[in-house]
Amino acid sequence: MSHKEKVPPPLFSQIVKDPAQFLGYGFGSGLLNPAPGTWGTLAGLILFLPILLLSEWAAWALLVFGLLVGSWICQKSVEAIGVHDHGGIVWDEFIGIWIVLILLPEQTWQWWIVAFIAFRVFDIVKPWPIKWLDEELEGGFGIMADDVVAALFAALSIWTIYALLI
C-alpha cells in the first residue's frame, strides 16, 4: 500500500455503493479538488452545526460514535483505494471540525469561522506532535489520530484567544 501517492479519488458512483467509503469520503465532499480536506472540513461543519444547535447531547453522541467508528471507516476507505491517508478520505476532517465546534466557548458564526480556520491551519501545518502522528501511525487509527490532535490544538488556541478577549 502506498503512502499519500497521487492516486485519483474514486468516482462518486463507486463510493455510494459502499457505506464506509461514502462516509470516508465525506458524502462525496472529499472528491472535490483542489483541497479535498478543506472541502471535507466545510461539509463537516455545515452538517454538524444544525445538530449541535438543536441538541448538544445529540452532537456529543454523534461525535463519540464518529470517533468510535472513524478508524474503521478510514481503514475501509484506505483498503478500497490502496493508498494510506488518501487526500480524499475526509472522515478525519469531519471528526476534527466536530471536536473544535463542540468545544467552542460560544456558538456564534464568528467563532465557527475561527474554528474552521484554526482547525485547517493545524491540520495543514502539522506542528509537533501532529506531524509525527501523521507520519508514524498507520491505518485508520493513524488517519484519525493526527486530526483529533489538530482539533484539540485548535480548540486550545481558541480558548486562549477567548480568555484574552474577555
N, C-alpha and C. Protein backbone atom coordinates (compact mmCIF):
# COMPACT_ATOMS: atom_id res chain seq x y z
N MET A 1 0.85 -1.18 0.00
CA MET A 1 0.00 0.00 0.00
C MET A 1 0.89 1.23 0.00
N SER A 2 0.63 2.15 -0.89
CA SER A 2 1.45 3.34 -0.98
C SER A 2 1.00 4.39 0.03
N HIS A 3 1.86 5.36 0.26
CA HIS A 3 1.60 6.40 1.25
C HIS A 3 1.41 7.74 0.56
N LYS A 4 0.19 8.22 0.54
CA LYS A 4 -0.17 9.54 0.03
C LYS A 4 0.33 9.79 -1.40
N GLU A 5 0.27 8.79 -2.23
CA GLU A 5 0.62 8.99 -3.64
C GLU A 5 -0.47 9.78 -4.34
N LYS A 6 -0.15 10.27 -5.51
CA LYS A 6 -1.12 11.00 -6.33
C LYS A 6 -1.98 9.99 -7.09
N VAL A 7 -2.87 9.36 -6.38
CA VAL A 7 -3.81 8.42 -6.97
C VAL A 7 -5.15 9.16 -7.06
N PRO A 8 -5.79 9.16 -8.22
CA PRO A 8 -7.07 9.87 -8.31
C PRO A 8 -8.11 9.25 -7.38
N PRO A 9 -9.00 10.08 -6.86
CA PRO A 9 -10.04 9.54 -5.99
C PRO A 9 -11.00 8.67 -6.79
N PRO A 10 -11.75 7.84 -6.09
CA PRO A 10 -12.76 7.05 -6.80
C PRO A 10 -13.87 7.96 -7.32
N LEU A 11 -14.71 7.40 -8.13
CA LEU A 11 -15.87 8.15 -8.64
C LEU A 11 -16.98 8.15 -7.59
N PHE A 12 -17.81 9.16 -7.65
CA PHE A 12 -18.94 9.24 -6.73
C PHE A 12 -19.82 8.00 -6.86
N SER A 13 -20.00 7.55 -8.10
CA SER A 13 -20.84 6.36 -8.33
C SER A 13 -20.26 5.12 -7.66
N GLN A 14 -18.94 5.10 -7.39
CA GLN A 14 -18.32 3.98 -6.70
C GLN A 14 -18.52 4.06 -5.18
N ILE A 15 -18.35 5.25 -4.63
CA ILE A 15 -18.41 5.35 -3.17
C ILE A 15 -19.83 5.23 -2.61
N VAL A 16 -20.84 5.60 -3.41
CA VAL A 16 -22.21 5.49 -2.89
C VAL A 16 -22.64 4.04 -2.72
N LYS A 17 -21.92 3.11 -3.33
CA LYS A 17 -22.24 1.69 -3.20
C LYS A 17 -21.67 1.07 -1.93
N ASP A 18 -20.79 1.79 -1.25
CA ASP A 18 -20.12 1.27 -0.06
C ASP A 18 -20.26 2.28 1.07
N PRO A 19 -21.06 1.96 2.10
CA PRO A 19 -21.29 2.92 3.19
C PRO A 19 -20.00 3.44 3.85
N ALA A 20 -19.01 2.57 4.03
CA ALA A 20 -17.75 3.01 4.65
C ALA A 20 -17.06 4.05 3.78
N GLN A 21 -16.99 3.81 2.47
CA GLN A 21 -16.36 4.78 1.60
C GLN A 21 -17.19 6.06 1.47
N PHE A 22 -18.50 5.93 1.45
CA PHE A 22 -19.36 7.10 1.35
C PHE A 22 -19.12 8.03 2.55
N LEU A 23 -19.00 7.43 3.74
CA LEU A 23 -18.66 8.22 4.92
C LEU A 23 -17.21 8.66 4.88
N GLY A 24 -16.31 7.76 4.50
CA GLY A 24 -14.89 8.07 4.44
C GLY A 24 -14.58 9.26 3.55
N TYR A 25 -15.27 9.35 2.44
CA TYR A 25 -15.09 10.47 1.51
C TYR A 25 -16.06 11.61 1.81
N GLY A 26 -16.59 11.62 3.03
CA GLY A 26 -17.40 12.74 3.49
C GLY A 26 -18.62 13.01 2.64
N PHE A 27 -19.37 11.94 2.32
CA PHE A 27 -20.58 12.05 1.49
C PHE A 27 -20.27 12.63 0.11
N GLY A 28 -19.03 12.49 -0.31
CA GLY A 28 -18.60 13.00 -1.62
C GLY A 28 -17.79 14.28 -1.56
N SER A 29 -17.77 14.95 -0.41
CA SER A 29 -17.03 16.22 -0.31
C SER A 29 -15.53 16.03 -0.51
N GLY A 30 -15.01 14.86 -0.16
CA GLY A 30 -13.59 14.59 -0.34
C GLY A 30 -13.19 14.35 -1.79
N LEU A 31 -14.17 14.29 -2.67
CA LEU A 31 -13.88 14.11 -4.09
C LEU A 31 -13.64 15.45 -4.78
N LEU A 32 -13.93 16.55 -4.09
CA LEU A 32 -13.75 17.88 -4.68
C LEU A 32 -12.28 18.29 -4.67
N ASN A 33 -11.87 18.92 -5.75
CA ASN A 33 -10.50 19.40 -5.86
C ASN A 33 -10.51 20.84 -6.31
N PRO A 34 -9.51 21.64 -5.98
CA PRO A 34 -8.39 21.28 -5.10
C PRO A 34 -8.82 21.28 -3.64
N ALA A 35 -7.91 20.87 -2.79
CA ALA A 35 -8.06 20.92 -1.33
C ALA A 35 -9.23 20.10 -0.80
N PRO A 36 -9.25 18.79 -1.03
CA PRO A 36 -10.35 17.98 -0.54
C PRO A 36 -10.51 18.03 0.98
N GLY A 37 -9.42 18.19 1.71
CA GLY A 37 -9.51 18.30 3.17
C GLY A 37 -10.27 19.53 3.61
N THR A 38 -10.07 20.61 2.89
CA THR A 38 -10.79 21.85 3.21
C THR A 38 -12.27 21.70 2.87
N TRP A 39 -12.57 21.10 1.74
CA TRP A 39 -13.96 20.85 1.36
C TRP A 39 -14.63 19.91 2.36
N GLY A 40 -13.89 18.88 2.79
CA GLY A 40 -14.43 17.95 3.78
C GLY A 40 -14.71 18.63 5.11
N THR A 41 -13.79 19.52 5.52
CA THR A 41 -13.99 20.26 6.76
C THR A 41 -15.22 21.15 6.66
N LEU A 42 -15.38 21.82 5.54
CA LEU A 42 -16.55 22.68 5.33
C LEU A 42 -17.84 21.86 5.37
N ALA A 43 -17.84 20.71 4.69
CA ALA A 43 -19.03 19.85 4.70
C ALA A 43 -19.33 19.36 6.12
N GLY A 44 -18.28 18.96 6.85
CA GLY A 44 -18.47 18.52 8.23
C GLY A 44 -19.06 19.61 9.09
N LEU A 45 -18.60 20.83 8.91
CA LEU A 45 -19.12 21.98 9.66
C LEU A 45 -20.59 22.20 9.35
N ILE A 46 -20.92 22.23 8.07
CA ILE A 46 -22.29 22.51 7.64
C ILE A 46 -23.26 21.42 8.12
N LEU A 47 -22.82 20.17 8.10
CA LEU A 47 -23.69 19.08 8.53
C LEU A 47 -23.84 18.99 10.05
N PHE A 48 -22.80 19.39 10.78
CA PHE A 48 -22.80 19.23 12.24
C PHE A 48 -23.50 20.38 12.96
N LEU A 49 -23.39 21.58 12.43
CA LEU A 49 -23.94 22.75 13.13
C LEU A 49 -25.43 22.63 13.47
N PRO A 50 -26.29 22.21 12.53
CA PRO A 50 -27.71 22.09 12.91
C PRO A 50 -27.94 21.12 14.07
N ILE A 51 -27.19 20.03 14.09
CA ILE A 51 -27.32 19.05 15.16
C ILE A 51 -26.86 19.66 16.48
N LEU A 52 -25.72 20.35 16.45
CA LEU A 52 -25.18 20.98 17.65
C LEU A 52 -26.13 22.04 18.19
N LEU A 53 -26.71 22.81 17.30
CA LEU A 53 -27.63 23.87 17.73
C LEU A 53 -28.96 23.32 18.23
N LEU A 54 -29.37 22.19 17.68
CA LEU A 54 -30.63 21.57 18.09
C LEU A 54 -30.49 20.87 19.44
N SER A 55 -29.40 20.12 19.60
CA SER A 55 -29.21 19.35 20.83
C SER A 55 -27.72 19.08 21.05
N GLU A 56 -27.19 19.66 22.11
CA GLU A 56 -25.78 19.41 22.42
C GLU A 56 -25.56 17.94 22.75
N TRP A 57 -26.54 17.30 23.37
CA TRP A 57 -26.43 15.87 23.68
C TRP A 57 -26.34 15.03 22.40
N ALA A 58 -27.16 15.35 21.44
CA ALA A 58 -27.11 14.63 20.16
C ALA A 58 -25.77 14.85 19.47
N ALA A 59 -25.26 16.07 19.56
CA ALA A 59 -23.97 16.38 18.95
C ALA A 59 -22.85 15.57 19.62
N TRP A 60 -22.87 15.51 20.95
CA TRP A 60 -21.87 14.70 21.65
C TRP A 60 -21.99 13.22 21.29
N ALA A 61 -23.21 12.74 21.20
CA ALA A 61 -23.43 11.33 20.84
C ALA A 61 -22.89 11.04 19.44
N LEU A 62 -23.18 11.94 18.50
CA LEU A 62 -22.69 11.76 17.14
C LEU A 62 -21.16 11.82 17.10
N LEU A 63 -20.58 12.74 17.83
CA LEU A 63 -19.12 12.86 17.87
C LEU A 63 -18.48 11.58 18.43
N VAL A 64 -18.99 11.11 19.54
CA VAL A 64 -18.44 9.89 20.15
C VAL A 64 -18.60 8.70 19.20
N PHE A 65 -19.78 8.57 18.60
CA PHE A 65 -20.00 7.48 17.64
C PHE A 65 -19.03 7.62 16.45
N GLY A 66 -18.90 8.85 15.92
CA GLY A 66 -17.99 9.09 14.81
C GLY A 66 -16.54 8.77 15.14
N LEU A 67 -16.14 9.07 16.38
CA LEU A 67 -14.78 8.71 16.82
C LEU A 67 -14.61 7.20 16.91
N LEU A 68 -15.62 6.53 17.46
CA LEU A 68 -15.52 5.08 17.65
C LEU A 68 -15.46 4.32 16.32
N VAL A 69 -16.22 4.77 15.33
CA VAL A 69 -16.23 4.06 14.05
C VAL A 69 -15.26 4.68 13.04
N GLY A 70 -14.66 5.81 13.39
CA GLY A 70 -13.81 6.53 12.46
C GLY A 70 -12.62 5.75 11.94
N SER A 71 -11.93 5.04 12.82
CA SER A 71 -10.77 4.26 12.38
C SER A 71 -11.19 3.19 11.38
N TRP A 72 -12.32 2.55 11.64
CA TRP A 72 -12.83 1.52 10.73
C TRP A 72 -13.21 2.13 9.39
N ILE A 73 -13.93 3.26 9.41
CA ILE A 73 -14.33 3.95 8.17
C ILE A 73 -13.10 4.31 7.34
N CYS A 74 -12.12 4.90 8.00
CA CYS A 74 -10.91 5.32 7.27
C CYS A 74 -10.13 4.12 6.76
N GLN A 75 -10.03 3.07 7.57
CA GLN A 75 -9.30 1.87 7.15
C GLN A 75 -9.97 1.21 5.93
N LYS A 76 -11.29 1.10 5.95
CA LYS A 76 -12.00 0.50 4.81
C LYS A 76 -11.81 1.36 3.55
N SER A 77 -11.79 2.67 3.71
CA SER A 77 -11.58 3.55 2.56
C SER A 77 -10.16 3.41 2.02
N VAL A 78 -9.18 3.25 2.93
CA VAL A 78 -7.79 3.03 2.53
C VAL A 78 -7.66 1.72 1.76
N GLU A 79 -8.27 0.67 2.28
CA GLU A 79 -8.18 -0.64 1.62
C GLU A 79 -8.80 -0.60 0.23
N ALA A 80 -9.86 0.17 0.07
CA ALA A 80 -10.52 0.23 -1.24
C ALA A 80 -9.68 0.95 -2.29
N ILE A 81 -8.94 1.98 -1.88
CA ILE A 81 -8.17 2.75 -2.86
C ILE A 81 -6.69 2.33 -2.89
N GLY A 82 -6.22 1.69 -1.82
CA GLY A 82 -4.84 1.21 -1.80
C GLY A 82 -3.80 2.27 -1.49
N VAL A 83 -4.21 3.39 -0.91
CA VAL A 83 -3.28 4.47 -0.55
C VAL A 83 -3.56 4.87 0.89
N HIS A 84 -2.51 4.87 1.72
CA HIS A 84 -2.69 5.31 3.11
C HIS A 84 -2.95 6.80 3.14
N ASP A 85 -4.01 7.18 3.80
CA ASP A 85 -4.38 8.58 4.02
C ASP A 85 -4.50 9.37 2.72
N HIS A 86 -5.21 8.79 1.76
CA HIS A 86 -5.50 9.50 0.51
C HIS A 86 -6.19 10.81 0.87
N GLY A 87 -5.85 11.89 0.18
CA GLY A 87 -6.39 13.20 0.48
C GLY A 87 -7.90 13.28 0.44
N GLY A 88 -8.52 12.42 -0.34
CA GLY A 88 -9.97 12.44 -0.45
C GLY A 88 -10.70 11.82 0.73
N ILE A 89 -9.99 11.05 1.54
CA ILE A 89 -10.59 10.46 2.73
C ILE A 89 -10.67 11.56 3.78
N VAL A 90 -11.88 12.04 4.06
CA VAL A 90 -12.05 13.22 4.91
C VAL A 90 -12.89 12.97 6.16
N TRP A 91 -13.16 11.71 6.48
CA TRP A 91 -13.90 11.47 7.72
C TRP A 91 -13.14 12.04 8.91
N ASP A 92 -11.81 11.98 8.85
CA ASP A 92 -11.00 12.54 9.92
C ASP A 92 -11.18 14.05 10.04
N GLU A 93 -11.37 14.73 8.91
CA GLU A 93 -11.67 16.17 8.95
C GLU A 93 -13.05 16.43 9.54
N PHE A 94 -14.01 15.57 9.22
CA PHE A 94 -15.34 15.70 9.83
C PHE A 94 -15.20 15.66 11.36
N ILE A 95 -14.54 14.63 11.86
CA ILE A 95 -14.40 14.47 13.31
C ILE A 95 -13.60 15.63 13.90
N GLY A 96 -12.55 16.04 13.22
CA GLY A 96 -11.74 17.16 13.71
C GLY A 96 -12.54 18.44 13.88
N ILE A 97 -13.30 18.82 12.86
CA ILE A 97 -14.07 20.06 12.97
C ILE A 97 -15.20 19.89 13.99
N TRP A 98 -15.76 18.69 14.11
CA TRP A 98 -16.81 18.47 15.11
C TRP A 98 -16.26 18.70 16.52
N ILE A 99 -15.04 18.21 16.76
CA ILE A 99 -14.41 18.40 18.08
C ILE A 99 -14.25 19.89 18.36
N VAL A 100 -13.72 20.62 17.40
CA VAL A 100 -13.50 22.05 17.61
C VAL A 100 -14.83 22.77 17.83
N LEU A 101 -15.82 22.47 17.02
CA LEU A 101 -17.12 23.14 17.15
C LEU A 101 -17.77 22.88 18.50
N ILE A 102 -17.73 21.65 18.95
CA ILE A 102 -18.40 21.31 20.20
C ILE A 102 -17.69 21.90 21.41
N LEU A 103 -16.40 22.21 21.25
CA LEU A 103 -15.62 22.78 22.35
C LEU A 103 -15.52 24.31 22.31
N LEU A 104 -16.22 24.93 21.37
CA LEU A 104 -16.15 26.40 21.27
C LEU A 104 -16.69 27.08 22.53
N PRO A 105 -16.12 28.23 22.88
CA PRO A 105 -16.62 28.96 24.05
C PRO A 105 -18.02 29.53 23.83
N GLU A 106 -18.35 29.85 22.59
CA GLU A 106 -19.68 30.37 22.24
C GLU A 106 -20.05 29.85 20.85
N GLN A 107 -21.33 29.58 20.64
CA GLN A 107 -21.81 29.12 19.34
C GLN A 107 -22.32 30.33 18.55
N THR A 108 -21.39 31.00 17.88
CA THR A 108 -21.73 32.14 17.02
C THR A 108 -21.03 31.95 15.68
N TRP A 109 -21.53 32.61 14.66
CA TRP A 109 -20.93 32.45 13.33
C TRP A 109 -19.47 32.91 13.33
N GLN A 110 -19.14 33.89 14.16
CA GLN A 110 -17.76 34.36 14.21
C GLN A 110 -16.83 33.27 14.74
N TRP A 111 -17.26 32.58 15.80
CA TRP A 111 -16.44 31.51 16.36
C TRP A 111 -16.42 30.30 15.44
N TRP A 112 -17.48 30.08 14.65
CA TRP A 112 -17.47 28.98 13.68
C TRP A 112 -16.40 29.23 12.61
N ILE A 113 -16.29 30.47 12.17
CA ILE A 113 -15.25 30.81 11.19
C ILE A 113 -13.86 30.62 11.81
N VAL A 114 -13.69 31.07 13.03
CA VAL A 114 -12.41 30.89 13.73
C VAL A 114 -12.10 29.40 13.88
N ALA A 115 -13.11 28.61 14.22
CA ALA A 115 -12.93 27.16 14.36
C ALA A 115 -12.47 26.54 13.05
N PHE A 116 -13.11 26.90 11.97
CA PHE A 116 -12.75 26.38 10.65
C PHE A 116 -11.30 26.72 10.31
N ILE A 117 -10.94 27.98 10.48
CA ILE A 117 -9.59 28.43 10.14
C ILE A 117 -8.55 27.77 11.05
N ALA A 118 -8.81 27.79 12.36
CA ALA A 118 -7.84 27.21 13.30
C ALA A 118 -7.62 25.73 13.03
N PHE A 119 -8.69 24.99 12.81
CA PHE A 119 -8.52 23.56 12.54
C PHE A 119 -7.74 23.33 11.25
N ARG A 120 -8.09 24.06 10.18
CA ARG A 120 -7.37 23.88 8.92
C ARG A 120 -5.89 24.22 9.06
N VAL A 121 -5.58 25.29 9.79
CA VAL A 121 -4.18 25.68 9.99
C VAL A 121 -3.41 24.55 10.68
N PHE A 122 -3.94 24.03 11.78
CA PHE A 122 -3.24 22.96 12.49
C PHE A 122 -3.19 21.67 11.68
N ASP A 123 -4.23 21.39 10.90
CA ASP A 123 -4.24 20.19 10.08
C ASP A 123 -3.27 20.28 8.91
N ILE A 124 -3.08 21.47 8.38
CA ILE A 124 -2.18 21.65 7.24
C ILE A 124 -0.73 21.83 7.69
N VAL A 125 -0.50 22.69 8.67
CA VAL A 125 0.86 23.00 9.12
C VAL A 125 1.45 21.81 9.90
N LYS A 126 0.64 21.15 10.68
CA LYS A 126 1.02 19.96 11.44
C LYS A 126 2.24 20.18 12.34
N PRO A 127 2.13 21.07 13.35
CA PRO A 127 3.23 21.19 14.30
C PRO A 127 3.37 19.90 15.11
N TRP A 128 4.53 19.71 15.74
CA TRP A 128 4.73 18.53 16.57
C TRP A 128 3.70 18.54 17.68
N PRO A 129 3.10 17.44 18.03
CA PRO A 129 3.29 16.06 17.59
C PRO A 129 2.37 15.63 16.44
N ILE A 130 1.63 16.58 15.88
CA ILE A 130 0.67 16.24 14.83
C ILE A 130 1.39 15.62 13.63
N LYS A 131 2.49 16.23 13.22
CA LYS A 131 3.25 15.72 12.08
C LYS A 131 3.79 14.31 12.37
N TRP A 132 4.28 14.12 13.58
CA TRP A 132 4.80 12.81 13.96
C TRP A 132 3.70 11.76 13.88
N LEU A 133 2.53 12.07 14.42
CA LEU A 133 1.40 11.13 14.35
C LEU A 133 1.03 10.82 12.90
N ASP A 134 1.01 11.87 12.07
CA ASP A 134 0.66 11.70 10.66
C ASP A 134 1.65 10.79 9.94
N GLU A 135 2.92 10.92 10.27
CA GLU A 135 3.95 10.15 9.57
C GLU A 135 4.19 8.76 10.14
N GLU A 136 3.95 8.58 11.43
CA GLU A 136 4.33 7.34 12.09
C GLU A 136 3.19 6.34 12.29
N LEU A 137 1.98 6.81 12.44
CA LEU A 137 0.87 5.89 12.70
C LEU A 137 0.22 5.48 11.39
N GLU A 138 -0.01 4.21 11.25
CA GLU A 138 -0.60 3.67 10.02
C GLU A 138 -2.07 3.33 10.23
N GLY A 139 -2.71 3.02 9.14
CA GLY A 139 -4.08 2.53 9.17
C GLY A 139 -5.09 3.60 9.52
N GLY A 140 -6.31 3.14 9.73
CA GLY A 140 -7.40 4.05 10.04
C GLY A 140 -7.17 4.84 11.30
N PHE A 141 -6.58 4.21 12.31
CA PHE A 141 -6.29 4.91 13.56
C PHE A 141 -5.30 6.05 13.32
N GLY A 142 -4.29 5.79 12.51
CA GLY A 142 -3.30 6.83 12.20
C GLY A 142 -3.91 8.00 11.47
N ILE A 143 -4.83 7.70 10.56
CA ILE A 143 -5.50 8.77 9.81
C ILE A 143 -6.29 9.66 10.77
N MET A 144 -6.96 9.04 11.72
CA MET A 144 -7.79 9.78 12.67
C MET A 144 -6.96 10.54 13.70
N ALA A 145 -5.87 9.94 14.18
CA ALA A 145 -5.13 10.48 15.33
C ALA A 145 -4.62 11.89 15.11
N ASP A 146 -3.99 12.15 13.96
CA ASP A 146 -3.41 13.48 13.77
C ASP A 146 -4.49 14.56 13.69
N ASP A 147 -5.64 14.23 13.14
CA ASP A 147 -6.72 15.23 13.04
C ASP A 147 -7.37 15.48 14.40
N VAL A 148 -7.46 14.45 15.22
CA VAL A 148 -8.00 14.64 16.57
C VAL A 148 -7.08 15.57 17.36
N VAL A 149 -5.78 15.35 17.27
CA VAL A 149 -4.83 16.21 17.99
C VAL A 149 -4.83 17.62 17.39
N ALA A 150 -4.92 17.73 16.07
CA ALA A 150 -5.02 19.06 15.45
C ALA A 150 -6.26 19.80 15.96
N ALA A 151 -7.35 19.07 16.12
CA ALA A 151 -8.58 19.68 16.62
C ALA A 151 -8.40 20.14 18.07
N LEU A 152 -7.73 19.34 18.88
CA LEU A 152 -7.51 19.74 20.26
C LEU A 152 -6.59 20.96 20.34
N PHE A 153 -5.57 21.02 19.48
CA PHE A 153 -4.70 22.20 19.42
C PHE A 153 -5.51 23.42 19.01
N ALA A 154 -6.39 23.26 18.02
CA ALA A 154 -7.22 24.37 17.56
C ALA A 154 -8.14 24.85 18.68
N ALA A 155 -8.77 23.91 19.38
CA ALA A 155 -9.68 24.27 20.47
C ALA A 155 -8.93 24.99 21.59
N LEU A 156 -7.76 24.50 21.93
CA LEU A 156 -6.95 25.15 22.97
C LEU A 156 -6.55 26.56 22.54
N SER A 157 -6.19 26.73 21.30
CA SER A 157 -5.83 28.05 20.78
C SER A 157 -7.03 29.00 20.84
N ILE A 158 -8.19 28.50 20.48
CA ILE A 158 -9.41 29.32 20.50
C ILE A 158 -9.74 29.74 21.92
N TRP A 159 -9.64 28.81 22.87
CA TRP A 159 -9.92 29.15 24.25
C TRP A 159 -8.90 30.15 24.80
N THR A 160 -7.66 30.07 24.34
CA THR A 160 -6.65 31.04 24.74
C THR A 160 -7.01 32.43 24.22
N ILE A 161 -7.41 32.51 22.96
CA ILE A 161 -7.86 33.78 22.38
C ILE A 161 -9.07 34.30 23.13
N TYR A 162 -10.01 33.44 23.41
CA TYR A 162 -11.23 33.82 24.14
C TYR A 162 -10.88 34.37 25.52
N ALA A 163 -9.98 33.70 26.23
CA ALA A 163 -9.60 34.15 27.58
C ALA A 163 -8.93 35.53 27.53
N LEU A 164 -8.17 35.78 26.48
CA LEU A 164 -7.52 37.09 26.33
C LEU A 164 -8.50 38.19 25.98
N LEU A 165 -9.60 37.82 25.33
CA LEU A 165 -10.59 38.81 24.91
C LEU A 165 -11.59 39.18 26.01
N ILE A 166 -11.81 38.26 26.95
CA ILE A 166 -12.84 38.58 27.97
C ILE A 166 -12.26 39.26 29.18
